[in-house]
PDB file of N, CA and C in Angstrom:
ATOM      1  N   MET A   1     -23.554 -10.732  21.300  1.00  0.00           N
ATOM      2  CA  MET A   1     -23.091  -9.361  21.355  1.00  0.00           C
ATOM      3  C   MET A   1     -22.503  -9.084  22.730  1.00  0.00           C
ATOM      4  N   ALA A   2     -21.743  -8.033  22.815  1.00  0.00           N
ATOM      5  CA  ALA A   2     -21.061  -7.697  24.050  1.00  0.00           C
ATOM      6  C   ALA A   2     -22.050  -7.265  25.131  1.00  0.00           C
ATOM      7  N   ASN A   3     -21.673  -7.508  26.379  1.00  0.00           N
ATOM      8  CA  ASN A   3     -22.551  -7.189  27.496  1.00  0.00           C
ATOM      9  C   ASN A   3     -22.044  -6.039  28.347  1.00  0.00           C
ATOM     10  N   HIS A   4     -20.796  -5.678  28.218  1.00  0.00           N
ATOM     11  CA  HIS A   4     -20.218  -4.636  29.056  1.00  0.00           C
ATOM     12  C   HIS A   4     -19.904  -3.407  28.221  1.00  0.00           C
ATOM     13  N   LYS A   5     -19.855  -2.258  28.893  1.00  0.00           N
ATOM     14  CA  LYS A   5     -19.600  -1.014  28.180  1.00  0.00           C
ATOM     15  C   LYS A   5     -18.236  -1.030  27.500  1.00  0.00           C
ATOM     16  N   HIS A   6     -17.237  -1.530  28.200  1.00  0.00           N
ATOM     17  CA  HIS A   6     -15.895  -1.498  27.615  1.00  0.00           C
ATOM     18  C   HIS A   6     -15.769  -2.457  26.437  1.00  0.00           C
ATOM     19  N   THR A   7     -16.520  -3.553  26.438  1.00  0.00           N
ATOM     20  CA  THR A   7     -16.466  -4.444  25.278  1.00  0.00           C
ATOM     21  C   THR A   7     -17.240  -3.869  24.098  1.00  0.00           C
ATOM     22  N   LEU A   8     -18.309  -3.133  24.392  1.00  0.00           N
ATOM     23  CA  LEU A   8     -19.034  -2.459  23.312  1.00  0.00           C
ATOM     24  C   LEU A   8     -18.148  -1.400  22.659  1.00  0.00           C
ATOM     25  N   LYS A   9     -17.417  -0.646  23.490  1.00  0.00           N
ATOM     26  CA  LYS A   9     -16.525   0.375  22.951  1.00  0.00           C
ATOM     27  C   LYS A   9     -15.403  -0.269  22.147  1.00  0.00           C
ATOM     28  N   ALA A  10     -14.839  -1.345  22.654  1.00  0.00           N
ATOM     29  CA  ALA A  10     -13.759  -2.034  21.944  1.00  0.00           C
ATOM     30  C   ALA A  10     -14.256  -2.567  20.608  1.00  0.00           C
ATOM     31  N   HIS A  11     -15.479  -3.058  20.580  1.00  0.00           N
ATOM     32  CA  HIS A  11     -16.044  -3.565  19.331  1.00  0.00           C
ATOM     33  C   HIS A  11     -16.202  -2.442  18.309  1.00  0.00           C
ATOM     34  N   LYS A  12     -16.699  -1.280  18.758  1.00  0.00           N
ATOM     35  CA  LYS A  12     -16.838  -0.138  17.852  1.00  0.00           C
ATOM     36  C   LYS A  12     -15.479   0.321  17.333  1.00  0.00           C
ATOM     37  N   GLN A  13     -14.485   0.331  18.215  1.00  0.00           N
ATOM     38  CA  GLN A  13     -13.140   0.732  17.794  1.00  0.00           C
ATOM     39  C   GLN A  13     -12.592  -0.240  16.751  1.00  0.00           C
ATOM     40  N   ASN A  14     -12.838  -1.535  16.952  1.00  0.00           N
ATOM     41  CA  ASN A  14     -12.375  -2.533  15.993  1.00  0.00           C
ATOM     42  C   ASN A  14     -13.014  -2.330  14.630  1.00  0.00           C
ATOM     43  N   LEU A  15     -14.297  -1.996  14.612  1.00  0.00           N
ATOM     44  CA  LEU A  15     -14.985  -1.765  13.340  1.00  0.00           C
ATOM     45  C   LEU A  15     -14.384  -0.575  12.606  1.00  0.00           C
ATOM     46  N   VAL A  16     -14.125   0.518  13.343  1.00  0.00           N
ATOM     47  CA  VAL A  16     -13.561   1.712  12.724  1.00  0.00           C
ATOM     48  C   VAL A  16     -12.158   1.430  12.195  1.00  0.00           C
ATOM     49  N   ARG A  17     -11.356   0.756  13.007  1.00  0.00           N
ATOM     50  CA  ARG A  17      -9.980   0.456  12.593  1.00  0.00           C
ATOM     51  C   ARG A  17      -9.946  -0.471  11.390  1.00  0.00           C
ATOM     52  N   ARG A  18     -10.846  -1.472  11.392  1.00  0.00           N
ATOM     53  CA  ARG A  18     -10.880  -2.405  10.270  1.00  0.00           C
ATOM     54  C   ARG A  18     -11.253  -1.687   8.984  1.00  0.00           C
ATOM     55  N   ALA A  19     -12.231  -0.792   9.062  1.00  0.00           N
ATOM     56  CA  ALA A  19     -12.636  -0.039   7.874  1.00  0.00           C
ATOM     57  C   ALA A  19     -11.496   0.845   7.379  1.00  0.00           C
ATOM     58  N   ARG A  20     -10.796   1.503   8.297  1.00  0.00           N
ATOM     59  CA  ARG A  20      -9.690   2.376   7.910  1.00  0.00           C
ATOM     60  C   ARG A  20      -8.556   1.562   7.287  1.00  0.00           C
ATOM     61  N   ASN A  21      -8.226   0.428   7.903  1.00  0.00           N
ATOM     62  CA  ASN A  21      -7.147  -0.403   7.378  1.00  0.00           C
ATOM     63  C   ASN A  21      -7.483  -0.968   6.004  1.00  0.00           C
ATOM     64  N   ARG A  22      -8.753  -1.358   5.818  1.00  0.00           N
ATOM     65  CA  ARG A  22      -9.166  -1.873   4.505  1.00  0.00           C
ATOM     66  C   ARG A  22      -9.047  -0.801   3.445  1.00  0.00           C
ATOM     67  N   ALA A  23      -9.441   0.421   3.775  1.00  0.00           N
ATOM     68  CA  ALA A  23      -9.362   1.515   2.806  1.00  0.00           C
ATOM     69  C   ALA A  23      -7.910   1.807   2.448  1.00  0.00           C
ATOM     70  N   LEU A  24      -7.041   1.824   3.437  1.00  0.00           N
ATOM     71  CA  LEU A  24      -5.626   2.088   3.188  1.00  0.00           C
ATOM     72  C   LEU A  24      -4.995   0.974   2.348  1.00  0.00           C
ATOM     73  N   ARG A  25      -5.331  -0.270   2.667  1.00  0.00           N
ATOM     74  CA  ARG A  25      -4.783  -1.399   1.922  1.00  0.00           C
ATOM     75  C   ARG A  25      -5.270  -1.382   0.474  1.00  0.00           C
ATOM     76  N   THR A  26      -6.540  -1.007   0.271  1.00  0.00           N
ATOM     77  CA  THR A  26      -7.086  -0.910  -1.079  1.00  0.00           C
ATOM     78  C   THR A  26      -6.378   0.188  -1.865  1.00  0.00           C
ATOM     79  N   ARG A  27      -6.131   1.316  -1.204  1.00  0.00           N
ATOM     80  CA  ARG A  27      -5.418   2.420  -1.852  1.00  0.00           C
ATOM     81  C   ARG A  27      -4.013   2.002  -2.258  1.00  0.00           C
ATOM     82  N   LEU A  28      -3.341   1.246  -1.396  1.00  0.00           N
ATOM     83  CA  LEU A  28      -1.999   0.758  -1.703  1.00  0.00           C
ATOM     84  C   LEU A  28      -2.032  -0.188  -2.893  1.00  0.00           C
ATOM     85  N   ARG A  29      -2.966  -1.119  -2.892  1.00  0.00           N
ATOM     86  CA  ARG A  29      -3.052  -2.075  -3.986  1.00  0.00           C
ATOM     87  C   ARG A  29      -3.347  -1.393  -5.314  1.00  0.00           C
ATOM     88  N   GLY A  30      -4.186  -0.377  -5.282  1.00  0.00           N
ATOM     89  CA  GLY A  30      -4.491   0.371  -6.496  1.00  0.00           C
ATOM     90  C   GLY A  30      -3.273   1.102  -7.037  1.00  0.00           C
ATOM     91  N   ALA A  31      -2.487   1.686  -6.137  1.00  0.00           N
ATOM     92  CA  ALA A  31      -1.276   2.390  -6.570  1.00  0.00           C
ATOM     93  C   ALA A  31      -0.270   1.415  -7.161  1.00  0.00           C
ATOM     94  N   LEU A  32      -0.124   0.255  -6.535  1.00  0.00           N
ATOM     95  CA  LEU A  32       0.800  -0.757  -7.062  1.00  0.00           C
ATOM     96  C   LEU A  32       0.343  -1.242  -8.434  1.00  0.00           C
ATOM     97  N   LYS A  33      -0.950  -1.465  -8.567  1.00  0.00           N
ATOM     98  CA  LYS A  33      -1.485  -1.959  -9.832  1.00  0.00           C
ATOM     99  C   LYS A  33      -1.303  -0.939 -10.951  1.00  0.00           C
ATOM    100  N   SER A  34      -1.559   0.341 -10.664  1.00  0.00           N
ATOM    101  CA  SER A  34      -1.422   1.357 -11.701  1.00  0.00           C
ATOM    102  C   SER A  34       0.041   1.543 -12.099  1.00  0.00           C
ATOM    103  N   LEU A  35       0.962   1.468 -11.142  1.00  0.00           N
ATOM    104  CA  LEU A  35       2.379   1.595 -11.459  1.00  0.00           C
ATOM    105  C   LEU A  35       2.853   0.411 -12.299  1.00  0.00           C
ATOM    106  N   ARG A  36       2.437  -0.792 -11.908  1.00  0.00           N
ATOM    107  CA  ARG A  36       2.827  -1.979 -12.683  1.00  0.00           C
ATOM    108  C   ARG A  36       2.277  -1.920 -14.096  1.00  0.00           C
ATOM    109  N   SER A  37       1.043  -1.462 -14.248  1.00  0.00           N
ATOM    110  CA  SER A  37       0.460  -1.410 -15.587  1.00  0.00           C
ATOM    111  C   SER A  37       1.151  -0.359 -16.449  1.00  0.00           C
ATOM    112  N   SER A  38       1.541   0.772 -15.868  1.00  0.00           N
ATOM    113  CA  SER A  38       2.253   1.784 -16.656  1.00  0.00           C
ATOM    114  C   SER A  38       3.638   1.285 -17.055  1.00  0.00           C
ATOM    115  N   ILE A  39       4.277   0.503 -16.199  1.00  0.00           N
ATOM    116  CA  ILE A  39       5.575  -0.091 -16.567  1.00  0.00           C
ATOM    117  C   ILE A  39       5.377  -1.093 -17.697  1.00  0.00           C
ATOM    118  N   ASP A  40       4.347  -1.921 -17.588  1.00  0.00           N
ATOM    119  CA  ASP A  40       4.103  -2.944 -18.611  1.00  0.00           C
ATOM    120  C   ASP A  40       3.721  -2.325 -19.953  1.00  0.00           C
ATOM    121  N   GLN A  41       3.061  -1.167 -19.944  1.00  0.00           N
ATOM    122  CA  GLN A  41       2.678  -0.509 -21.191  1.00  0.00           C
ATOM    123  C   GLN A  41       3.835   0.254 -21.817  1.00  0.00           C
ATOM    124  N   GLY A  42       4.932   0.390 -21.090  1.00  0.00           N
ATOM    125  CA  GLY A  42       6.106   1.056 -21.637  1.00  0.00           C
ATOM    126  C   GLY A  42       6.156   2.552 -21.360  1.00  0.00           C
ATOM    127  N   ASP A  43       5.292   3.049 -20.513  1.00  0.00           N
ATOM    128  CA  ASP A  43       5.290   4.468 -20.160  1.00  0.00           C
ATOM    129  C   ASP A  43       6.316   4.709 -19.051  1.00  0.00           C
ATOM    130  N   VAL A  44       7.586   4.762 -19.420  1.00  0.00           N
ATOM    131  CA  VAL A  44       8.668   4.832 -18.437  1.00  0.00           C
ATOM    132  C   VAL A  44       8.671   6.174 -17.718  1.00  0.00           C
ATOM    133  N   THR A  45       8.422   7.263 -18.442  1.00  0.00           N
ATOM    134  CA  THR A  45       8.451   8.573 -17.792  1.00  0.00           C
ATOM    135  C   THR A  45       7.300   8.718 -16.789  1.00  0.00           C
ATOM    136  N   GLY A  46       6.143   8.247 -17.156  1.00  0.00           N
ATOM    137  CA  GLY A  46       5.013   8.275 -16.219  1.00  0.00           C
ATOM    138  C   GLY A  46       5.240   7.359 -15.033  1.00  0.00           C
ATOM    139  N   ALA A  47       5.859   6.217 -15.300  1.00  0.00           N
ATOM    140  CA  ALA A  47       6.143   5.268 -14.220  1.00  0.00           C
ATOM    141  C   ALA A  47       7.176   5.835 -13.261  1.00  0.00           C
ATOM    142  N   ARG A  48       8.155   6.554 -13.799  1.00  0.00           N
ATOM    143  CA  ARG A  48       9.172   7.147 -12.916  1.00  0.00           C
ATOM    144  C   ARG A  48       8.561   8.186 -11.993  1.00  0.00           C
ATOM    145  N   SER A  49       7.655   8.988 -12.529  1.00  0.00           N
ATOM    146  CA  SER A  49       7.020  10.005 -11.694  1.00  0.00           C
ATOM    147  C   SER A  49       6.087   9.374 -10.657  1.00  0.00           C
ATOM    148  N   ALA A  50       5.424   8.287 -11.028  1.00  0.00           N
ATOM    149  CA  ALA A  50       4.527   7.609 -10.091  1.00  0.00           C
ATOM    150  C   ALA A  50       5.288   6.767  -9.078  1.00  0.00           C
ATOM    151  N   PHE A  51       6.518   6.399  -9.411  1.00  0.00           N
ATOM    152  CA  PHE A  51       7.313   5.528  -8.551  1.00  0.00           C
ATOM    153  C   PHE A  51       7.577   6.172  -7.191  1.00  0.00           C
ATOM    154  N   SER A  52       7.967   7.437  -7.183  1.00  0.00           N
ATOM    155  CA  SER A  52       8.290   8.078  -5.907  1.00  0.00           C
ATOM    156  C   SER A  52       7.056   8.195  -5.020  1.00  0.00           C
ATOM    157  N   GLY A  53       5.920   8.505  -5.616  1.00  0.00           N
ATOM    158  CA  GLY A  53       4.689   8.573  -4.836  1.00  0.00           C
ATOM    159  C   GLY A  53       4.271   7.222  -4.292  1.00  0.00           C
ATOM    160  N   THR A  54       4.469   6.185  -5.098  1.00  0.00           N
ATOM    161  CA  THR A  54       4.111   4.837  -4.660  1.00  0.00           C
ATOM    162  C   THR A  54       5.037   4.364  -3.547  1.00  0.00           C
ATOM    163  N   VAL A  55       6.323   4.666  -3.672  1.00  0.00           N
ATOM    164  CA  VAL A  55       7.277   4.286  -2.624  1.00  0.00           C
ATOM    165  C   VAL A  55       6.938   5.008  -1.322  1.00  0.00           C
ATOM    166  N   SER A  56       6.559   6.268  -1.426  1.00  0.00           N
ATOM    167  CA  SER A  56       6.154   7.024  -0.244  1.00  0.00           C
ATOM    168  C   SER A  56       4.919   6.404   0.403  1.00  0.00           C
ATOM    169  N   LEU A  57       3.968   5.990  -0.426  1.00  0.00           N
ATOM    170  CA  LEU A  57       2.765   5.344   0.085  1.00  0.00           C
ATOM    171  C   LEU A  57       3.101   4.014   0.758  1.00  0.00           C
ATOM    172  N   ILE A  58       3.993   3.245   0.148  1.00  0.00           N
ATOM    173  CA  ILE A  58       4.414   1.974   0.737  1.00  0.00           C
ATOM    174  C   ILE A  58       5.050   2.210   2.103  1.00  0.00           C
ATOM    175  N   ASP A  59       5.909   3.225   2.185  1.00  0.00           N
ATOM    176  CA  ASP A  59       6.559   3.533   3.463  1.00  0.00           C
ATOM    177  C   ASP A  59       5.545   3.944   4.526  1.00  0.00           C
ATOM    178  N   ARG A  60       4.539   4.723   4.135  1.00  0.00           N
ATOM    179  CA  ARG A  60       3.515   5.133   5.092  1.00  0.00           C
ATOM    180  C   ARG A  60       2.700   3.941   5.584  1.00  0.00           C
ATOM    181  N   MET A  61       2.365   3.027   4.680  1.00  0.00           N
ATOM    182  CA  MET A  61       1.600   1.851   5.077  1.00  0.00           C
ATOM    183  C   MET A  61       2.414   0.955   6.002  1.00  0.00           C
ATOM    184  N   SER A  62       3.718   0.896   5.753  1.00  0.00           N
ATOM    185  CA  SER A  62       4.594   0.128   6.621  1.00  0.00           C
ATOM    186  C   SER A  62       4.693   0.765   8.002  1.00  0.00           C
ATOM    187  N   ALA A  63       4.782   2.074   8.046  1.00  0.00           N
ATOM    188  CA  ALA A  63       4.882   2.777   9.329  1.00  0.00           C
ATOM    189  C   ALA A  63       3.603   2.629  10.140  1.00  0.00           C
ATOM    190  N   LYS A  64       2.459   2.580   9.467  1.00  0.00           N
ATOM    191  CA  LYS A  64       1.185   2.443  10.166  1.00  0.00           C
ATOM    192  C   LYS A  64       0.900   0.997  10.570  1.00  0.00           C
ATOM    193  N   GLY A  65       1.688   0.057  10.060  1.00  0.00           N
ATOM    194  CA  GLY A  65       1.463  -1.337  10.398  1.00  0.00           C
ATOM    195  C   GLY A  65       0.460  -2.023   9.497  1.00  0.00           C
ATOM    196  N   ILE A  66       0.100  -1.394   8.384  1.00  0.00           N
ATOM    197  CA  ILE A  66      -0.842  -2.001   7.447  1.00  0.00           C
ATOM    198  C   ILE A  66      -0.172  -3.174   6.741  1.00  0.00           C
ATOM    199  N   ILE A  67       1.112  -2.990   6.386  1.00  0.00           N
ATOM    200  CA  ILE A  67       1.902  -4.092   5.830  1.00  0.00           C
ATOM    201  C   ILE A  67       3.182  -4.215   6.657  1.00  0.00           C
ATOM    202  N   HIS A  68       3.787  -5.365   6.583  1.00  0.00           N
ATOM    203  CA  HIS A  68       5.015  -5.632   7.327  1.00  0.00           C
ATOM    204  C   HIS A  68       6.185  -4.888   6.680  1.00  0.00           C
ATOM    205  N   ASP A  69       7.198  -4.592   7.482  1.00  0.00           N
ATOM    206  CA  ASP A  69       8.361  -3.851   6.980  1.00  0.00           C
ATOM    207  C   ASP A  69       9.067  -4.598   5.853  1.00  0.00           C
ATOM    208  N   ASN A  70       9.209  -5.913   5.994  1.00  0.00           N
ATOM    209  CA  ASN A  70       9.873  -6.696   4.949  1.00  0.00           C
ATOM    210  C   ASN A  70       9.035  -6.749   3.679  1.00  0.00           C
ATOM    211  N   THR A  71       7.728  -6.757   3.824  1.00  0.00           N
ATOM    212  CA  THR A  71       6.848  -6.725   2.658  1.00  0.00           C
ATOM    213  C   THR A  71       7.020  -5.414   1.913  1.00  0.00           C
ATOM    214  N   ALA A  72       7.129  -4.326   2.656  1.00  0.00           N
ATOM    215  CA  ALA A  72       7.339  -3.018   2.032  1.00  0.00           C
ATOM    216  C   ALA A  72       8.663  -2.996   1.275  1.00  0.00           C
ATOM    217  N   ALA A  73       9.700  -3.533   1.879  1.00  0.00           N
ATOM    218  CA  ALA A  73      11.008  -3.569   1.228  1.00  0.00           C
ATOM    219  C   ALA A  73      10.963  -4.423  -0.034  1.00  0.00           C
ATOM    220  N   ARG A  74      10.247  -5.521   0.029  1.00  0.00           N
ATOM    221  CA  ARG A  74      10.121  -6.406  -1.138  1.00  0.00           C
ATOM    222  C   ARG A  74       9.372  -5.709  -2.271  1.00  0.00           C
ATOM    223  N   TYR A  75       8.270  -5.036  -1.947  1.00  0.00           N
ATOM    224  CA  TYR A  75       7.527  -4.296  -2.962  1.00  0.00           C
ATOM    225  C   TYR A  75       8.416  -3.257  -3.635  1.00  0.00           C
ATOM    226  N   LYS A  76       9.131  -2.473  -2.839  1.00  0.00           N
ATOM    227  CA  LYS A  76       9.967  -1.404  -3.391  1.00  0.00           C
ATOM    228  C   LYS A  76      11.076  -1.973  -4.263  1.00  0.00           C
ATOM    229  N   SER A  77      11.682  -3.057  -3.813  1.00  0.00           N
ATOM    230  CA  SER A  77      12.774  -3.662  -4.571  1.00  0.00           C
ATOM    231  C   SER A  77      12.284  -4.190  -5.911  1.00  0.00           C
ATOM    232  N   ARG A  78      11.166  -4.878  -5.898  1.00  0.00           N
ATOM    233  CA  ARG A  78      10.651  -5.459  -7.141  1.00  0.00           C
ATOM    234  C   ARG A  78      10.192  -4.379  -8.118  1.00  0.00           C
ATOM    235  N   LEU A  79       9.580  -3.320  -7.589  1.00  0.00           N
ATOM    236  CA  LEU A  79       9.153  -2.232  -8.448  1.00  0.00           C
ATOM    237  C   LEU A  79      10.354  -1.522  -9.075  1.00  0.00           C
ATOM    238  N   ALA A  80      11.393  -1.320  -8.269  1.00  0.00           N
ATOM    239  CA  ALA A  80      12.598  -0.643  -8.788  1.00  0.00           C
ATOM    240  C   ALA A  80      13.259  -1.491  -9.873  1.00  0.00           C
ATOM    241  N   ARG A  81      13.292  -2.807  -9.668  1.00  0.00           N
ATOM    242  CA  ARG A  81      13.886  -3.685 -10.687  1.00  0.00           C
ATOM    243  C   ARG A  81      13.073  -3.675 -11.971  1.00  0.00           C
ATOM    244  N   ARG A  82      11.746  -3.694 -11.843  1.00  0.00           N
ATOM    245  CA  ARG A  82      10.894  -3.655 -13.038  1.00  0.00           C
ATOM    246  C   ARG A  82      11.052  -2.346 -13.786  1.00  0.00           C
ATOM    247  N   LEU A  83      11.150  -1.262 -13.052  1.00  0.00           N
ATOM    248  CA  LEU A  83      11.318   0.057 -13.670  1.00  0.00           C
ATOM    249  C   LEU A  83      12.667   0.149 -14.357  1.00  0.00           C
ATOM    250  N   ALA A  84      13.712  -0.359 -13.740  1.00  0.00           N
ATOM    251  CA  ALA A  84      15.040  -0.324 -14.342  1.00  0.00           C
ATOM    252  C   ALA A  84      15.089  -1.188 -15.607  1.00  0.00           C
ATOM    253  N   ALA A  85      14.433  -2.335 -15.571  1.00  0.00           N
ATOM    254  CA  ALA A  85      14.418  -3.222 -16.745  1.00  0.00           C
ATOM    255  C   ALA A  85      13.634  -2.586 -17.883  1.00  0.00           C
ATOM    256  N   ALA A  86      12.549  -1.879 -17.544  1.00  0.00           N
ATOM    257  CA  ALA A  86      11.748  -1.236 -18.582  1.00  0.00           C
ATOM    258  C   ALA A  86      12.475  -0.047 -19.195  1.00  0.00           C
ATOM    259  N   ALA A  87      13.345   0.593 -18.411  1.00  0.00           N
ATOM    260  CA  ALA A  87      14.059   1.768 -18.886  1.00  0.00           C
ATOM    261  C   ALA A  87      15.171   1.403 -19.877  1.00  0.00           C
ATOM    262  N   GLU A  88      15.615   0.165 -19.831  1.00  0.00           N
ATOM    263  CA  GLU A  88      16.707  -0.262 -20.724  1.00  0.00           C
ATOM    264  C   GLU A  88      16.259  -0.415 -22.145  1.00  0.00           C
TER     265      GLU A  88
END
């Protein structure tokens, strides 16, 4: 365990940040999973309404550094293609 005050504080900060990042990443994964499942079930209108919220969430996670910018772009692109294919 840490021996200095500043290392103890840094350790506590790391624990808090890790917990927050895990919660945010879990929330993102859940939103992606629910959107993909609604597209696969053929609920195009529900998927369209959920798409904008999911894209907003992806952008927020990218801005916070939870996911990489290119990963966010890839997620959005693939979701948009799946939604467009399901709408046809």
